[in-house]
Amino acid sequence: TGGLQDTATVTVNVLPVNDVPPVFNITEYSFTASRLSPLGNERVGQVTATDADLVVGNSITYSIQGDGNFAIDPDDGVITVSDYIFNFEGSSFELTVIASDGEFQATASVDIA
């Protein structure tokens, strides 16, 4: 006792941290496409991922690894035909789709017959 005292108000701002990767709702997708599909116009299918800690203003971006016959909309995961496909009876295309939140990635397999 006999010491000096003072009181102060401290404000602590907690910022969100991106520490959870995106997750695909389904990890193996299966779609069909006609070999006569018009380029860029035929919707083959859509993949969807979620991110538990996605902060406001950020989003999940989609991309495709593999076959150049298909394209994916980076914003909504819609897959379309981007080049002429020669899909013979019983054959299929195997793609890997990536969902990225800017720091982490998740992958899903896509089979297009």
C-alpha atoms as a PDB file:
ATOM      1  CA  THR A   1       0.000   0.000   0.000  1.00  0.00           C
ATOM      2  CA  GLY A   2       1.100   3.491  -0.552  1.00  0.00           C
ATOM      3  CA  GLY A   3       1.904   2.734  -4.262  1.00  0.00           C
ATOM      4  CA  LEU A   4       0.621   4.642  -7.246  1.00  0.00           C
ATOM      5  CA  GLN A   5      -2.372   3.398  -9.262  1.00  0.00           C
ATOM      6  CA  ASP A   6      -3.985   4.262 -12.556  1.00  0.00           C
ATOM      7  CA  THR A   7      -6.778   2.868 -14.709  1.00  0.00           C
ATOM      8  CA  ALA A   8      -6.783   2.566 -18.498  1.00  0.00           C
ATOM      9  CA  THR A   9      -9.246   1.315 -21.112  1.00  0.00           C
ATOM     10  CA  VAL A  10      -7.714  -1.039 -23.678  1.00  0.00           C
ATOM     11  CA  THR A  11      -9.387  -1.963 -26.969  1.00  0.00           C
ATOM     12  CA  VAL A  12      -8.381  -5.251 -28.587  1.00  0.00           C
ATOM     13  CA  ASN A  13      -9.328  -5.822 -32.227  1.00  0.00           C
ATOM     14  CA  VAL A  14      -9.412  -9.470 -33.216  1.00  0.00           C
ATOM     15  CA  LEU A  15      -8.982 -10.080 -36.937  1.00  0.00           C
ATOM     16  CA  PRO A  16     -10.158 -13.270 -38.650  1.00  0.00           C
ATOM     17  CA  VAL A  17      -7.438 -15.713 -39.654  1.00  0.00           C
ATOM     18  CA  ASN A  18      -7.623 -18.017 -42.647  1.00  0.00           C
ATOM     19  CA  ASP A  19      -6.611 -21.317 -41.084  1.00  0.00           C
ATOM     20  CA  VAL A  20      -9.187 -23.715 -42.548  1.00  0.00           C
ATOM     21  CA  PRO A  21      -8.932 -25.013 -46.131  1.00  0.00           C
ATOM     22  CA  PRO A  22     -11.929 -25.192 -48.460  1.00  0.00           C
ATOM     23  CA  VAL A  23     -13.797 -28.506 -48.607  1.00  0.00           C
ATOM     24  CA  PHE A  24     -15.652 -29.969 -51.588  1.00  0.00           C
ATOM     25  CA  ASN A  25     -19.205 -31.079 -50.816  1.00  0.00           C
ATOM     26  CA  ILE A  26     -18.501 -34.155 -52.968  1.00  0.00           C
ATOM     27  CA  THR A  27     -14.964 -35.411 -53.649  1.00  0.00           C
ATOM     28  CA  GLU A  28     -15.794 -37.502 -56.738  1.00  0.00           C
ATOM     29  CA  TYR A  29     -18.082 -36.026 -59.387  1.00  0.00           C
ATOM     30  CA  SER A  30     -19.440 -37.797 -62.466  1.00  0.00           C
ATOM     31  CA  PHE A  31     -20.905 -35.928 -65.461  1.00  0.00           C
ATOM     32  CA  THR A  32     -21.706 -36.650 -69.104  1.00  0.00           C
ATOM     33  CA  ALA A  33     -20.991 -34.566 -72.192  1.00  0.00           C
ATOM     34  CA  SER A  34     -21.889 -35.049 -75.822  1.00  0.00           C
ATOM     35  CA  ARG A  35     -19.015 -35.200 -78.294  1.00  0.00           C
ATOM     36  CA  LEU A  36     -21.091 -32.830 -80.424  1.00  0.00           C
ATOM     37  CA  SER A  37     -21.284 -30.211 -77.678  1.00  0.00           C
ATOM     38  CA  PRO A  38     -21.001 -26.589 -78.847  1.00  0.00           C
ATOM     39  CA  LEU A  39     -17.805 -25.038 -77.502  1.00  0.00           C
ATOM     40  CA  GLY A  40     -18.207 -22.948 -74.367  1.00  0.00           C
ATOM     41  CA  ASN A  41     -21.972 -23.311 -74.376  1.00  0.00           C
ATOM     42  CA  GLU A  42     -22.762 -26.713 -72.959  1.00  0.00           C
ATOM     43  CA  ARG A  43     -22.801 -26.891 -69.220  1.00  0.00           C
ATOM     44  CA  VAL A  44     -21.324 -30.243 -68.240  1.00  0.00           C
ATOM     45  CA  GLY A  45     -21.802 -29.870 -64.492  1.00  0.00           C
ATOM     46  CA  GLN A  46     -20.949 -27.831 -61.435  1.00  0.00           C
ATOM     47  CA  VAL A  47     -18.649 -28.488 -58.480  1.00  0.00           C
ATOM     48  CA  THR A  48     -19.104 -26.787 -55.123  1.00  0.00           C
ATOM     49  CA  ALA A  49     -16.778 -26.193 -52.194  1.00  0.00           C
ATOM     50  CA  THR A  50     -17.298 -24.402 -48.899  1.00  0.00           C
ATOM     51  CA  ASP A  51     -14.890 -22.714 -46.525  1.00  0.00           C
ATOM     52  CA  ALA A  52     -15.720 -22.502 -42.820  1.00  0.00           C
ATOM     53  CA  ASP A  53     -13.578 -19.426 -42.210  1.00  0.00           C
ATOM     54  CA  LEU A  54     -14.069 -17.523 -45.449  1.00  0.00           C
ATOM     55  CA  VAL A  55     -13.938 -13.850 -44.498  1.00  0.00           C
ATOM     56  CA  VAL A  56     -16.226 -11.244 -46.031  1.00  0.00           C
ATOM     57  CA  GLY A  57     -14.851 -10.024 -49.344  1.00  0.00           C
ATOM     58  CA  ASN A  58     -12.919 -13.231 -50.065  1.00  0.00           C
ATOM     59  CA  SER A  59     -14.158 -16.083 -52.183  1.00  0.00           C
ATOM     60  CA  ILE A  60     -13.319 -19.565 -53.373  1.00  0.00           C
ATOM     61  CA  THR A  61     -11.711 -19.745 -56.819  1.00  0.00           C
ATOM     62  CA  TYR A  62     -12.035 -22.874 -58.981  1.00  0.00           C
ATOM     63  CA  SER A  63      -9.566 -24.198 -61.561  1.00  0.00           C
ATOM     64  CA  ILE A  64      -8.961 -27.417 -63.522  1.00  0.00           C
ATOM     65  CA  GLN A  65      -5.835 -29.535 -63.732  1.00  0.00           C
ATOM     66  CA  GLY A  66      -5.657 -31.886 -66.634  1.00  0.00           C
ATOM     67  CA  ASP A  67      -7.536 -32.079 -69.885  1.00  0.00           C
ATOM     68  CA  GLY A  68      -7.770 -28.886 -71.945  1.00  0.00           C
ATOM     69  CA  ASN A  69     -11.086 -29.956 -73.446  1.00  0.00           C
ATOM     70  CA  PHE A  70     -12.980 -28.457 -70.530  1.00  0.00           C
ATOM     71  CA  ALA A  71     -13.078 -25.095 -68.760  1.00  0.00           C
ATOM     72  CA  ILE A  72     -14.344 -24.094 -65.342  1.00  0.00           C
ATOM     73  CA  ASP A  73     -15.819 -20.786 -64.266  1.00  0.00           C
ATOM     74  CA  PRO A  74     -13.464 -19.622 -61.505  1.00  0.00           C
ATOM     75  CA  ASP A  75     -16.314 -18.024 -59.553  1.00  0.00           C
ATOM     76  CA  ASP A  76     -19.116 -20.601 -59.564  1.00  0.00           C
ATOM     77  CA  GLY A  77     -17.476 -23.940 -60.481  1.00  0.00           C
ATOM     78  CA  VAL A  78     -19.517 -24.537 -63.650  1.00  0.00           C
ATOM     79  CA  ILE A  79     -17.674 -26.845 -66.059  1.00  0.00           C
ATOM     80  CA  THR A  80     -18.174 -26.331 -69.809  1.00  0.00           C
ATOM     81  CA  VAL A  81     -16.765 -27.831 -73.015  1.00  0.00           C
ATOM     82  CA  SER A  82     -13.884 -25.665 -74.289  1.00  0.00           C
ATOM     83  CA  ASP A  83     -12.559 -27.775 -77.154  1.00  0.00           C
ATOM     84  CA  TYR A  84     -13.918 -30.452 -79.442  1.00  0.00           C
ATOM     85  CA  ILE A  85     -14.178 -33.707 -77.565  1.00  0.00           C
ATOM     86  CA  PHE A  86     -13.918 -37.079 -79.168  1.00  0.00           C
ATOM     87  CA  ASN A  87     -15.596 -39.234 -76.596  1.00  0.00           C
ATOM     88  CA  PHE A  88     -15.846 -42.766 -77.877  1.00  0.00           C
ATOM     89  CA  GLU A  89     -18.127 -45.404 -76.415  1.00  0.00           C
ATOM     90  CA  GLY A  90     -16.833 -46.416 -73.006  1.00  0.00           C
ATOM     91  CA  SER A  91     -14.170 -43.714 -72.748  1.00  0.00           C
ATOM     92  CA  SER A  92     -14.107 -40.845 -70.293  1.00  0.00           C
ATOM     93  CA  PHE A  93     -12.089 -37.816 -69.243  1.00  0.00           C
ATOM     94  CA  GLU A  94     -10.496 -37.657 -65.798  1.00  0.00           C
ATOM     95  CA  LEU A  95      -9.994 -34.171 -64.370  1.00  0.00           C
ATOM     96  CA  THR A  96      -8.822 -32.755 -61.080  1.00  0.00           C
ATOM     97  CA  VAL A  97     -10.682 -29.660 -59.915  1.00  0.00           C
ATOM     98  CA  ILE A  98      -9.078 -27.295 -57.409  1.00  0.00           C
ATOM     99  CA  ALA A  99     -10.857 -24.963 -54.994  1.00  0.00           C
ATOM    100  CA  SER A 100      -8.630 -22.262 -53.497  1.00  0.00           C
ATOM    101  CA  ASP A 101      -9.331 -19.656 -50.833  1.00  0.00           C
ATOM    102  CA  GLY A 102      -6.111 -17.814 -51.669  1.00  0.00           C
ATOM    103  CA  GLU A 103      -4.045 -19.663 -49.085  1.00  0.00           C
ATOM    104  CA  PHE A 104      -5.311 -23.239 -48.952  1.00  0.00           C
ATOM    105  CA  GLN A 105      -6.520 -25.644 -51.656  1.00  0.00           C
ATOM    106  CA  ALA A 106      -8.766 -28.678 -51.898  1.00  0.00           C
ATOM    107  CA  THR A 107      -9.144 -31.081 -54.805  1.00  0.00           C
ATOM    108  CA  ALA A 108     -11.928 -33.206 -56.207  1.00  0.00           C
ATOM    109  CA  SER A 109     -11.982 -35.782 -59.007  1.00  0.00           C
ATOM    110  CA  VAL A 110     -14.256 -35.305 -62.007  1.00  0.00           C
ATOM    111  CA  ASP A 111     -15.126 -38.082 -64.437  1.00  0.00           C
ATOM    112  CA  ILE A 112     -16.781 -36.917 -67.672  1.00  0.00           C
ATOM    113  CA  ALA A 113     -18.172 -39.652 -69.925  1.00  0.00           C
END
